[in-house]
Amino acid sequence: MTDAYVHIAVDAGAVSGVARQVADLEAVAAAHTVTGEFDVIAQLDLDSKEEIAEVVADHIHAVDGVADTNTNVAFEP
């Protein structure tokens, strides 16, 4: 199992809609609106690291209002 966190910058006025749509994606375990440089953080729960690029590029970036992302892969301690 692979966990990754996707920090999502959103177009003005679209934060709530983007957060709801991202949260509904199958690979997303949780999505939260946050303060700071990014507007939404999504936790991905995937079977492998190879799935990360597909989920981010094909699914998260396809959500209307997503302007940019920054993805961090979590490693076990």
PDB file of N, CA and C in Angstrom:
ATOM      1  N   MET A   1       0.833  -1.170   0.000  1.00  0.00           N
ATOM      2  CA  MET A   1       0.000   0.000   0.000  1.00  0.00           C
ATOM      3  C   MET A   1       0.889   1.249   0.000  1.00  0.00           C
ATOM      4  N   THR A   2       0.467   2.258  -0.728  1.00  0.00           N
ATOM      5  CA  THR A   2       1.205   3.511  -0.821  1.00  0.00           C
ATOM      6  C   THR A   2       0.301   4.664  -0.425  1.00  0.00           C
ATOM      7  N   ASP A   3       0.774   5.499   0.477  1.00  0.00           N
ATOM      8  CA  ASP A   3       0.073   6.726   0.828  1.00  0.00           C
ATOM      9  C   ASP A   3       0.799   7.882   0.178  1.00  0.00           C
ATOM     10  N   ALA A   4       0.041   8.823  -0.351  1.00  0.00           N
ATOM     11  CA  ALA A   4       0.610  10.053  -0.891  1.00  0.00           C
ATOM     12  C   ALA A   4      -0.333  11.184  -0.516  1.00  0.00           C
ATOM     13  N   TYR A   5       0.230  12.363  -0.367  1.00  0.00           N
ATOM     14  CA  TYR A   5      -0.554  13.546  -0.042  1.00  0.00           C
ATOM     15  C   TYR A   5      -0.419  14.527  -1.191  1.00  0.00           C
ATOM     16  N   VAL A   6      -1.555  14.953  -1.717  1.00  0.00           N
ATOM     17  CA  VAL A   6      -1.570  15.874  -2.842  1.00  0.00           C
ATOM     18  C   VAL A   6      -2.062  17.230  -2.340  1.00  0.00           C
ATOM     19  N   HIS A   7      -1.195  18.223  -2.414  1.00  0.00           N
ATOM     20  CA  HIS A   7      -1.525  19.592  -2.035  1.00  0.00           C
ATOM     21  C   HIS A   7      -2.046  20.266  -3.303  1.00  0.00           C
ATOM     22  N   ILE A   8      -3.247  20.810  -3.224  1.00  0.00           N
ATOM     23  CA  ILE A   8      -3.933  21.301  -4.418  1.00  0.00           C
ATOM     24  C   ILE A   8      -4.195  22.797  -4.322  1.00  0.00           C
ATOM     25  N   ALA A   9      -3.702  23.549  -5.307  1.00  0.00           N
ATOM     26  CA  ALA A   9      -4.026  24.968  -5.443  1.00  0.00           C
ATOM     27  C   ALA A   9      -5.266  25.055  -6.323  1.00  0.00           C
ATOM     28  N   VAL A  10      -6.207  25.902  -5.904  1.00  0.00           N
ATOM     29  CA  VAL A  10      -7.518  25.955  -6.541  1.00  0.00           C
ATOM     30  C   VAL A  10      -7.797  27.370  -7.033  1.00  0.00           C
ATOM     31  N   ASP A  11      -8.519  27.468  -8.154  1.00  0.00           N
ATOM     32  CA  ASP A  11      -8.945  28.769  -8.662  1.00  0.00           C
ATOM     33  C   ASP A  11      -9.849  29.448  -7.636  1.00  0.00           C
ATOM     34  N   ALA A  12      -9.831  30.769  -7.611  1.00  0.00           N
ATOM     35  CA  ALA A  12     -10.636  31.541  -6.667  1.00  0.00           C
ATOM     36  C   ALA A  12     -12.109  31.151  -6.762  1.00  0.00           C
ATOM     37  N   GLY A  13     -12.716  30.946  -5.604  1.00  0.00           N
ATOM     38  CA  GLY A  13     -14.131  30.633  -5.540  1.00  0.00           C
ATOM     39  C   GLY A  13     -14.486  29.184  -5.764  1.00  0.00           C
ATOM     40  N   ALA A  14     -13.502  28.317  -5.976  1.00  0.00           N
ATOM     41  CA  ALA A  14     -13.802  26.927  -6.319  1.00  0.00           C
ATOM     42  C   ALA A  14     -13.392  25.927  -5.242  1.00  0.00           C
ATOM     43  N   VAL A  15     -12.966  26.407  -4.087  1.00  0.00           N
ATOM     44  CA  VAL A  15     -12.385  25.513  -3.086  1.00  0.00           C
ATOM     45  C   VAL A  15     -13.358  24.432  -2.629  1.00  0.00           C
ATOM     46  N   SER A  16     -14.544  24.800  -2.229  1.00  0.00           N
ATOM     47  CA  SER A  16     -15.491  23.804  -1.703  1.00  0.00           C
ATOM     48  C   SER A  16     -15.858  22.767  -2.755  1.00  0.00           C
ATOM     49  N   GLY A  17     -16.113  23.206  -3.978  1.00  0.00           N
ATOM     50  CA  GLY A  17     -16.468  22.277  -5.045  1.00  0.00           C
ATOM     51  C   GLY A  17     -15.342  21.326  -5.386  1.00  0.00           C
ATOM     52  N   VAL A  18     -14.121  21.856  -5.442  1.00  0.00           N
ATOM     53  CA  VAL A  18     -12.961  21.004  -5.732  1.00  0.00           C
ATOM     54  C   VAL A  18     -12.770  19.991  -4.607  1.00  0.00           C
ATOM     55  N   ALA A  19     -12.857  20.433  -3.366  1.00  0.00           N
ATOM     56  CA  ALA A  19     -12.666  19.519  -2.235  1.00  0.00           C
ATOM     57  C   ALA A  19     -13.682  18.381  -2.280  1.00  0.00           C
ATOM     58  N   ARG A  20     -14.942  18.687  -2.577  1.00  0.00           N
ATOM     59  CA  ARG A  20     -15.972  17.645  -2.653  1.00  0.00           C
ATOM     60  C   ARG A  20     -15.704  16.673  -3.799  1.00  0.00           C
ATOM     61  N   GLN A  21     -15.357  17.206  -4.970  1.00  0.00           N
ATOM     62  CA  GLN A  21     -15.113  16.336  -6.122  1.00  0.00           C
ATOM     63  C   GLN A  21     -13.890  15.453  -5.919  1.00  0.00           C
ATOM     64  N   VAL A  22     -12.831  16.023  -5.353  1.00  0.00           N
ATOM     65  CA  VAL A  22     -11.618  15.241  -5.092  1.00  0.00           C
ATOM     66  C   VAL A  22     -11.910  14.163  -4.049  1.00  0.00           C
ATOM     67  N   ALA A  23     -12.660  14.501  -3.013  1.00  0.00           N
ATOM     68  CA  ALA A  23     -12.989  13.526  -1.965  1.00  0.00           C
ATOM     69  C   ALA A  23     -13.770  12.349  -2.528  1.00  0.00           C
ATOM     70  N   ASP A  24     -14.532  12.566  -3.587  1.00  0.00           N
ATOM     71  CA  ASP A  24     -15.332  11.507  -4.187  1.00  0.00           C
ATOM     72  C   ASP A  24     -14.542  10.572  -5.107  1.00  0.00           C
ATOM     73  N   LEU A  25     -13.293  10.919  -5.415  1.00  0.00           N
ATOM     74  CA  LEU A  25     -12.486  10.058  -6.277  1.00  0.00           C
ATOM     75  C   LEU A  25     -12.147   8.752  -5.545  1.00  0.00           C
ATOM     76  N   GLU A  26     -12.168   7.648  -6.265  1.00  0.00           N
ATOM     77  CA  GLU A  26     -11.961   6.331  -5.665  1.00  0.00           C
ATOM     78  C   GLU A  26     -10.626   6.202  -4.921  1.00  0.00           C
ATOM     79  N   ALA A  27      -9.573   6.767  -5.447  1.00  0.00           N
ATOM     80  CA  ALA A  27      -8.243   6.619  -4.851  1.00  0.00           C
ATOM     81  C   ALA A  27      -8.009   7.542  -3.665  1.00  0.00           C
ATOM     82  N   VAL A  28      -8.936   8.438  -3.387  1.00  0.00           N
ATOM     83  CA  VAL A  28      -8.763   9.429  -2.321  1.00  0.00           C
ATOM     84  C   VAL A  28      -9.379   8.912  -1.023  1.00  0.00           C
ATOM     85  N   ALA A  29      -8.524   8.775  -0.004  1.00  0.00           N
ATOM     86  CA  ALA A  29      -8.993   8.322   1.306  1.00  0.00           C
ATOM     87  C   ALA A  29      -9.643   9.464   2.073  1.00  0.00           C
ATOM     88  N   ALA A  30      -9.129  10.699   1.896  1.00  0.00           N
ATOM     89  CA  ALA A  30      -9.669  11.876   2.575  1.00  0.00           C
ATOM     90  C   ALA A  30      -9.217  13.125   1.842  1.00  0.00           C
ATOM     91  N   ALA A  31     -10.030  14.169   1.924  1.00  0.00           N
ATOM     92  CA  ALA A  31      -9.666  15.463   1.356  1.00  0.00           C
ATOM     93  C   ALA A  31     -10.154  16.544   2.306  1.00  0.00           C
ATOM     94  N   HIS A  32      -9.306  17.545   2.527  1.00  0.00           N
ATOM     95  CA  HIS A  32      -9.631  18.618   3.473  1.00  0.00           C
ATOM     96  C   HIS A  32      -9.266  19.967   2.891  1.00  0.00           C
ATOM     97  N   THR A  33     -10.096  20.968   3.147  1.00  0.00           N
ATOM     98  CA  THR A  33      -9.703  22.334   2.831  1.00  0.00           C
ATOM     99  C   THR A  33      -8.769  22.783   3.946  1.00  0.00           C
ATOM    100  N   VAL A  34      -7.742  23.544   3.589  1.00  0.00           N
ATOM    101  CA  VAL A  34      -6.725  23.953   4.551  1.00  0.00           C
ATOM    102  C   VAL A  34      -6.316  25.401   4.304  1.00  0.00           C
ATOM    103  N   THR A  35      -5.622  25.958   5.274  1.00  0.00           N
ATOM    104  CA  THR A  35      -5.048  27.287   5.103  1.00  0.00           C
ATOM    105  C   THR A  35      -3.613  27.136   4.622  1.00  0.00           C
ATOM    106  N   GLY A  36      -3.061  28.206   4.082  1.00  0.00           N
ATOM    107  CA  GLY A  36      -1.667  28.188   3.654  1.00  0.00           C
ATOM    108  C   GLY A  36      -1.538  28.323   2.160  1.00  0.00           C
ATOM    109  N   GLU A  37      -0.409  27.882   1.655  1.00  0.00           N
ATOM    110  CA  GLU A  37      -0.084  28.017   0.235  1.00  0.00           C
ATOM    111  C   GLU A  37      -1.058  27.257  -0.664  1.00  0.00           C
ATOM    112  N   PHE A  38      -1.552  26.120  -0.199  1.00  0.00           N
ATOM    113  CA  PHE A  38      -2.488  25.311  -0.969  1.00  0.00           C
ATOM    114  C   PHE A  38      -3.866  25.391  -0.324  1.00  0.00           C
ATOM    115  N   ASP A  39      -4.886  25.029  -1.073  1.00  0.00           N
ATOM    116  CA  ASP A  39      -6.263  25.164  -0.613  1.00  0.00           C
ATOM    117  C   ASP A  39      -6.889  23.858  -0.151  1.00  0.00           C
ATOM    118  N   VAL A  40      -6.451  22.756  -0.731  1.00  0.00           N
ATOM    119  CA  VAL A  40      -6.995  21.430  -0.426  1.00  0.00           C
ATOM    120  C   VAL A  40      -5.833  20.458  -0.309  1.00  0.00           C
ATOM    121  N   ILE A  41      -5.924  19.543   0.647  1.00  0.00           N
ATOM    122  CA  ILE A  41      -4.960  18.443   0.737  1.00  0.00           C
ATOM    123  C   ILE A  41      -5.748  17.141   0.651  1.00  0.00           C
ATOM    124  N   ALA A  42      -5.306  16.268  -0.249  1.00  0.00           N
ATOM    125  CA  ALA A  42      -5.955  14.969  -0.428  1.00  0.00           C
ATOM    126  C   ALA A  42      -4.981  13.857  -0.071  1.00  0.00           C
ATOM    127  N   GLN A  43      -5.458  12.882   0.668  1.00  0.00           N
ATOM    128  CA  GLN A  43      -4.657  11.704   0.997  1.00  0.00           C
ATOM    129  C   GLN A  43      -5.054  10.590   0.049  1.00  0.00           C
ATOM    130  N   LEU A  44      -4.083  10.075  -0.688  1.00  0.00           N
ATOM    131  CA  LEU A  44      -4.331   8.968  -1.604  1.00  0.00           C
ATOM    132  C   LEU A  44      -3.996   7.656  -0.919  1.00  0.00           C
ATOM    133  N   ASP A  45      -4.793   6.643  -1.180  1.00  0.00           N
ATOM    134  CA  ASP A  45      -4.557   5.293  -0.676  1.00  0.00           C
ATOM    135  C   ASP A  45      -4.489   4.379  -1.889  1.00  0.00           C
ATOM    136  N   LEU A  46      -3.269   4.017  -2.272  1.00  0.00           N
ATOM    137  CA  LEU A  46      -3.042   3.291  -3.526  1.00  0.00           C
ATOM    138  C   LEU A  46      -2.331   1.962  -3.279  1.00  0.00           C
ATOM    139  N   ASP A  47      -2.435   1.073  -4.249  1.00  0.00           N
ATOM    140  CA  ASP A  47      -1.753  -0.213  -4.154  1.00  0.00           C
ATOM    141  C   ASP A  47      -0.263  -0.097  -4.470  1.00  0.00           C
ATOM    142  N   SER A  48       0.119   0.887  -5.299  1.00  0.00           N
ATOM    143  CA  SER A  48       1.527   1.025  -5.675  1.00  0.00           C
ATOM    144  C   SER A  48       1.859   2.474  -6.017  1.00  0.00           C
ATOM    145  N   LYS A  49       3.148   2.796  -5.948  1.00  0.00           N
ATOM    146  CA  LYS A  49       3.619   4.148  -6.288  1.00  0.00           C
ATOM    147  C   LYS A  49       3.359   4.481  -7.750  1.00  0.00           C
ATOM    148  N   GLU A  50       3.319   3.461  -8.584  1.00  0.00           N
ATOM    149  CA  GLU A  50       3.116   3.684 -10.016  1.00  0.00           C
ATOM    150  C   GLU A  50       1.748   4.304 -10.322  1.00  0.00           C
ATOM    151  N   GLU A  51       0.803   4.148  -9.429  1.00  0.00           N
ATOM    152  CA  GLU A  51      -0.541   4.700  -9.636  1.00  0.00           C
ATOM    153  C   GLU A  51      -0.622   6.199  -9.363  1.00  0.00           C
ATOM    154  N   ILE A  52       0.341   6.744  -8.651  1.00  0.00           N
ATOM    155  CA  ILE A  52       0.271   8.149  -8.231  1.00  0.00           C
ATOM    156  C   ILE A  52       0.143   9.085  -9.424  1.00  0.00           C
ATOM    157  N   ALA A  53       1.015   8.944 -10.404  1.00  0.00           N
ATOM    158  CA  ALA A  53       0.997   9.851 -11.551  1.00  0.00           C
ATOM    159  C   ALA A  53      -0.335   9.806 -12.279  1.00  0.00           C
ATOM    160  N   GLU A  54      -0.895   8.619 -12.448  1.00  0.00           N
ATOM    161  CA  GLU A  54      -2.180   8.489 -13.140  1.00  0.00           C
ATOM    162  C   GLU A  54      -3.291   9.187 -12.366  1.00  0.00           C
ATOM    163  N   VAL A  55      -3.349   8.951 -11.064  1.00  0.00           N
ATOM    164  CA  VAL A  55      -4.413   9.550 -10.256  1.00  0.00           C
ATOM    165  C   VAL A  55      -4.300  11.067 -10.273  1.00  0.00           C
ATOM    166  N   VAL A  56      -3.097  11.579 -10.076  1.00  0.00           N
ATOM    167  CA  VAL A  56      -2.923  13.035 -10.027  1.00  0.00           C
ATOM    168  C   VAL A  56      -3.175  13.659 -11.400  1.00  0.00           C
ATOM    169  N   ALA A  57      -2.530  13.146 -12.428  1.00  0.00           N
ATOM    170  CA  ALA A  57      -2.634  13.752 -13.760  1.00  0.00           C
ATOM    171  C   ALA A  57      -3.992  13.530 -14.408  1.00  0.00           C
ATOM    172  N   ASP A  58      -4.532  12.326 -14.295  1.00  0.00           N
ATOM    173  CA  ASP A  58      -5.757  11.998 -15.022  1.00  0.00           C
ATOM    174  C   ASP A  58      -7.041  12.260 -14.248  1.00  0.00           C
ATOM    175  N   HIS A  59      -6.963  12.259 -12.928  1.00  0.00           N
ATOM    176  CA  HIS A  59      -8.191  12.400 -12.144  1.00  0.00           C
ATOM    177  C   HIS A  59      -8.252  13.722 -11.381  1.00  0.00           C
ATOM    178  N   ILE A  60      -7.215  14.022 -10.597  1.00  0.00           N
ATOM    179  CA  ILE A  60      -7.261  15.261  -9.810  1.00  0.00           C
ATOM    180  C   ILE A  60      -7.153  16.486 -10.717  1.00  0.00           C
ATOM    181  N   HIS A  61      -6.223  16.482 -11.657  1.00  0.00           N
ATOM    182  CA  HIS A  61      -6.093  17.635 -12.560  1.00  0.00           C
ATOM    183  C   HIS A  61      -7.294  17.770 -13.497  1.00  0.00           C
ATOM    184  N   ALA A  62      -8.103  16.736 -13.623  1.00  0.00           N
ATOM    185  CA  ALA A  62      -9.302  16.809 -14.461  1.00  0.00           C
ATOM    186  C   ALA A  62     -10.466  17.511 -13.754  1.00  0.00           C
ATOM    187  N   VAL A  63     -10.340  17.711 -12.444  1.00  0.00           N
ATOM    188  CA  VAL A  63     -11.393  18.394 -11.693  1.00  0.00           C
ATOM    189  C   VAL A  63     -11.363  19.883 -12.044  1.00  0.00           C
ATOM    190  N   ASP A  64     -12.503  20.407 -12.449  1.00  0.00           N
ATOM    191  CA  ASP A  64     -12.608  21.811 -12.816  1.00  0.00           C
ATOM    192  C   ASP A  64     -12.291  22.692 -11.610  1.00  0.00           C
ATOM    193  N   GLY A  65     -11.355  23.616 -11.774  1.00  0.00           N
ATOM    194  CA  GLY A  65     -10.960  24.518 -10.704  1.00  0.00           C
ATOM    195  C   GLY A  65      -9.594  24.206 -10.118  1.00  0.00           C
ATOM    196  N   VAL A  66      -9.028  23.036 -10.424  1.00  0.00           N
ATOM    197  CA  VAL A  66      -7.685  22.705  -9.942  1.00  0.00           C
ATOM    198  C   VAL A  66      -6.675  23.473 -10.780  1.00  0.00           C
ATOM    199  N   ALA A  67      -5.852  24.274 -10.107  1.00  0.00           N
ATOM    200  CA  ALA A  67      -4.858  25.096 -10.796  1.00  0.00           C
ATOM    201  C   ALA A  67      -3.478  24.449 -10.808  1.00  0.00           C
ATOM    202  N   ASP A  68      -3.108  23.789  -9.699  1.00  0.00           N
ATOM    203  CA  ASP A  68      -1.771  23.216  -9.583  1.00  0.00           C
ATOM    204  C   ASP A  68      -1.772  22.204  -8.444  1.00  0.00           C
ATOM    205  N   THR A  69      -0.791  21.305  -8.457  1.00  0.00           N
ATOM    206  CA  THR A  69      -0.651  20.347  -7.366  1.00  0.00           C
ATOM    207  C   THR A  69       0.822  20.169  -7.001  1.00  0.00           C
ATOM    208  N   ASN A  70       1.033  19.666  -5.801  1.00  0.00           N
ATOM    209  CA  ASN A  70       2.342  19.272  -5.323  1.00  0.00           C
ATOM    210  C   ASN A  70       2.117  17.977  -4.555  1.00  0.00           C
ATOM    211  N   THR A  71       2.788  16.912  -4.943  1.00  0.00           N
ATOM    212  CA  THR A  71       2.531  15.596  -4.363  1.00  0.00           C
ATOM    213  C   THR A  71       3.706  15.133  -3.507  1.00  0.00           C
ATOM    214  N   ASN A  72       3.395  14.622  -2.315  1.00  0.00           N
ATOM    215  CA  ASN A  72       4.391  14.060  -1.420  1.00  0.00           C
ATOM    216  C   ASN A  72       4.050  12.614  -1.135  1.00  0.00           C
ATOM    217  N   VAL A  73       5.014  11.713  -1.313  1.00  0.00           N
ATOM    218  CA  VAL A  73       4.819  10.296  -1.024  1.00  0.00           C
ATOM    219  C   VAL A  73       5.250  10.045   0.416  1.00  0.00           C
ATOM    220  N   ALA A  74       4.416   9.325   1.165  1.00  0.00           N
ATOM    221  CA  ALA A  74       4.724   9.003   2.551  1.00  0.00           C
ATOM    222  C   ALA A  74       5.481   7.685   2.626  1.00  0.00           C
ATOM    223  N   PHE A  75       6.526   7.655   3.437  1.00  0.00           N
ATOM    224  CA  PHE A  75       7.306   6.441   3.661  1.00  0.00           C
ATOM    225  C   PHE A  75       7.129   6.003   5.101  1.00  0.00           C
ATOM    226  N   GLU A  76       7.142   4.709   5.320  1.00  0.00           N
ATOM    227  CA  GLU A  76       7.035   4.184   6.675  1.00  0.00           C
ATOM    228  C   GLU A  76       8.313   4.483   7.441  1.00  0.00           C
ATOM    229  N   PRO A  77       8.190   4.808   8.739  1.00  0.00           N
ATOM    230  CA  PRO A  77       9.405   5.073   9.537  1.00  0.00           C
ATOM    231  C   PRO A  77      10.234   3.837   9.762  1.00  0.00           C
TER     232      PRO A  77
END
